C-alpha atoms as a PDB file:
ATOM      1  CA  MET A   1    -151.123 -30.870  70.473  1.00  0.00           C
ATOM      2  CA  THR A   2    -148.196 -28.648  71.761  1.00  0.00           C
ATOM      3  CA  ARG A   3    -146.485 -25.806  70.382  1.00  0.00           C
ATOM      4  CA  GLN A   4    -143.344 -27.778  69.647  1.00  0.00           C
ATOM      5  CA  SER A   5    -145.397 -30.313  67.855  1.00  0.00           C
ATOM      6  CA  ILE A   6    -147.239 -27.424  65.858  1.00  0.00           C
ATOM      7  CA  ALA A   7    -143.946 -25.904  65.096  1.00  0.00           C
ATOM      8  CA  LYS A   8    -142.344 -29.044  63.735  1.00  0.00           C
ATOM      9  CA  GLU A   9    -145.546 -29.732  61.768  1.00  0.00           C
ATOM     10  CA  LEU A  10    -145.454 -26.268  60.090  1.00  0.00           C
ATOM     11  CA  GLU A  11    -141.590 -26.592  59.437  1.00  0.00           C
ATOM     12  CA  SER A  12    -142.263 -29.990  57.808  1.00  0.00           C
ATOM     13  CA  ALA A  13    -145.024 -28.556  55.669  1.00  0.00           C
ATOM     14  CA  ALA A  14    -142.712 -25.812  54.453  1.00  0.00           C
ATOM     15  CA  ASP A  15    -140.214 -28.185  53.520  1.00  0.00           C
ATOM     16  CA  ARG A  16    -142.652 -30.092  51.385  1.00  0.00           C
ATOM     17  CA  ILE A  17    -145.075 -27.665  50.346  1.00  0.00           C
ATOM     18  CA  GLY A  18    -145.383 -28.791  46.780  1.00  0.00           C
ATOM     19  CA  ASP A  19    -146.416 -32.188  47.976  1.00  0.00           C
ATOM     20  CA  MET A  20    -148.945 -31.309  50.425  1.00  0.00           C
ATOM     21  CA  SER A  21    -152.836 -31.206  49.466  1.00  0.00           C
ATOM     22  CA  ARG A  22    -154.632 -28.071  49.998  1.00  0.00           C
ATOM     23  CA  ALA A  23    -156.736 -29.735  52.759  1.00  0.00           C
ATOM     24  CA  ASP A  24    -153.715 -30.780  54.651  1.00  0.00           C
ATOM     25  CA  LEU A  25    -152.137 -27.478  54.586  1.00  0.00           C
ATOM     26  CA  GLN A  26    -155.476 -25.786  55.658  1.00  0.00           C
ATOM     27  CA  ILE A  27    -155.575 -28.204  58.582  1.00  0.00           C
ATOM     28  CA  ILE A  28    -152.143 -27.365  59.686  1.00  0.00           C
ATOM     29  CA  LEU A  29    -152.613 -23.667  59.469  1.00  0.00           C
ATOM     30  CA  ARG A  30    -155.762 -23.737  61.396  1.00  0.00           C
ATOM     31  CA  ARG A  31    -154.089 -25.619  64.050  1.00  0.00           C
ATOM     32  CA  ALA A  32    -151.373 -22.939  64.272  1.00  0.00           C
ATOM     33  CA  ALA A  33    -153.820 -20.250  64.417  1.00  0.00           C
ATOM     34  CA  LEU A  34    -155.771 -21.836  67.144  1.00  0.00           C
ATOM     35  CA  MET A  35    -152.591 -22.365  69.138  1.00  0.00           C
ATOM     36  CA  LEU A  36    -151.703 -18.504  68.575  1.00  0.00           C
ATOM     37  CA  ARG A  37    -154.972 -17.351  69.396  1.00  0.00           C
ATOM     38  CA  ASN A  38    -154.948 -19.186  72.764  1.00  0.00           C
ATOM     39  CA  VAL A  39    -151.491 -17.929  73.749  1.00  0.00           C
ATOM     40  CA  SER A  40    -151.751 -15.644  76.759  1.00  0.00           C
ATOM     41  CA  GLY A  41    -148.225 -14.087  77.620  1.00  0.00           C
ATOM     42  CA  VAL A  42    -147.048 -12.954  80.834  1.00  0.00           C
ATOM     43  CA  PRO A  43    -145.220  -9.689  80.780  1.00  0.00           C
ATOM     44  CA  LEU A  44    -141.817 -10.131  82.543  1.00  0.00           C
ATOM     45  CA  GLU A  45    -139.149  -7.605  83.501  1.00  0.00           C
ATOM     46  CA  PRO A  46    -136.074  -7.829  80.819  1.00  0.00           C
ATOM     47  CA  ALA A  47    -133.755  -9.265  83.518  1.00  0.00           C
ATOM     48  CA  THR A  48    -136.241 -12.170  84.319  1.00  0.00           C
ATOM     49  CA  GLU A  49    -136.915 -12.873  80.617  1.00  0.00           C
ATOM     50  CA  ASP A  50    -133.212 -12.976  79.980  1.00  0.00           C
ATOM     51  CA  ALA A  51    -132.756 -15.428  82.730  1.00  0.00           C
ATOM     52  CA  LEU A  52    -135.377 -17.644  81.756  1.00  0.00           C
ATOM     53  CA  ASN A  53    -134.154 -17.806  78.266  1.00  0.00           C
ATOM     54  CA  SER A  54    -130.692 -18.608  79.309  1.00  0.00           C
ATOM     55  CA  ILE A  55    -131.842 -21.299  81.865  1.00  0.00           C
ATOM     56  CA  ALA A  56    -134.207 -22.754  78.974  1.00  0.00           C
ATOM     57  CA  ALA A  57    -131.344 -22.657  76.566  1.00  0.00           C
ATOM     58  CA  GLU A  58    -128.691 -24.311  79.082  1.00  0.00           C
ATOM     59  CA  THR A  59    -131.058 -26.963  80.168  1.00  0.00           C
ATOM     60  CA  LYS A  60    -132.557 -27.574  76.812  1.00  0.00           C
ATOM     61  CA  ILE A  61    -135.969 -27.297  78.194  1.00  0.00           C
ATOM     62  CA  GLY A  62    -138.738 -25.196  76.425  1.00  0.00           C
ATOM     63  CA  ARG A  63    -139.421 -21.603  77.870  1.00  0.00           C
ATOM     64  CA  ALA A  64    -142.996 -22.532  78.679  1.00  0.00           C
ATOM     65  CA  ASP A  65    -141.866 -25.981  80.165  1.00  0.00           C
ATOM     66  CA  LEU A  66    -139.246 -24.243  82.526  1.00  0.00           C
ATOM     67  CA  ILE A  67    -141.958 -21.597  83.676  1.00  0.00           C
ATOM     68  CA  GLN A  68    -144.258 -24.336  84.639  1.00  0.00           C
ATOM     69  CA  ILE A  69    -141.567 -26.223  86.506  1.00  0.00           C
ATOM     70  CA  VAL A  70    -140.459 -23.107  88.306  1.00  0.00           C
ATOM     71  CA  LEU A  71    -144.239 -22.054  89.121  1.00  0.00           C
ATOM     72  CA  ARG A  72    -145.248 -25.760  90.237  1.00  0.00           C
ATOM     73  CA  GLU A  73    -142.091 -25.833  92.484  1.00  0.00           C
ATOM     74  CA  TRP A  74    -142.694 -22.567  94.028  1.00  0.00           C
ATOM     75  CA  LEU A  75    -146.365 -23.459  94.679  1.00  0.00           C
ATOM     76  CA  GLU A  76    -145.315 -26.543  96.264  1.00  0.00           C
ATOM     77  CA  THR A  77    -142.489 -25.085  98.428  1.00  0.00           C
ATOM     78  CA  ASN A  78    -144.839 -22.514  99.787  1.00  0.00           C
ATOM     79  CA  ALA A  79    -147.743 -24.979 100.459  1.00  0.00           C
ATOM     80  CA  TYR A  80    -150.032 -23.879  97.771  1.00  0.00           C
ATOM     81  CA  LEU A  81    -149.968 -27.225  96.264  1.00  0.00           C
ATOM     82  CA  PRO A  82    -149.314 -30.460  97.816  1.00  0.00           C
ATOM     83  CA  VAL A  83    -145.919 -31.826  97.311  1.00  0.00           C
ATOM     84  CA  ARG A  84    -145.549 -34.752  94.857  1.00  0.00           C
ATOM     85  CA  GLU A  85    -144.839 -37.920  96.397  1.00  0.00           C
ATOM     86  CA  ILE A  86    -141.656 -39.760  94.855  1.00  0.00           C
ATOM     87  CA  ASP A  87    -141.591 -43.519  95.078  1.00  0.00           C
ATOM     88  CA  GLU A  88    -138.033 -44.203  96.318  1.00  0.00           C
ATOM     89  CA  GLU A  89    -138.094 -47.629  94.758  1.00  0.00           C
ATOM     90  CA  SER A  90    -138.757 -46.686  91.156  1.00  0.00           C
ATOM     91  CA  GLU A  91    -136.141 -45.758  88.702  1.00  0.00           C
ATOM     92  CA  THR A  92    -136.267 -42.160  86.923  1.00  0.00           C
ATOM     93  CA  ASP A  93    -134.047 -40.719  84.210  1.00  0.00           C
ATOM     94  CA  GLY A  94    -133.600 -37.636  86.343  1.00  0.00           C
ATOM     95  CA  SER A  95    -136.203 -35.443  84.478  1.00  0.00           C
ATOM     96  CA  ALA A  96    -139.222 -33.689  86.001  1.00  0.00           C
END
């Protein structure tokens, strides 16, 4: 499960809290706790943090996804990862 899906599930549960069984609520809360426990943040300078947040909002990409894209592209550009091959014959929607 992704952070986004956990967040949506929590929001949905909050909207229908009266209709949820205790067991379902426990499962959702345990998943959220596990996700939070496994989050390891990387401290960034305020200017870098602001730039990432602005780009993420502008491109409508989650901050974590944006960081993965930027890091992967940097690693490929600097030959730390093999460059992904793009099939010129295939159609894409323009997303990474």
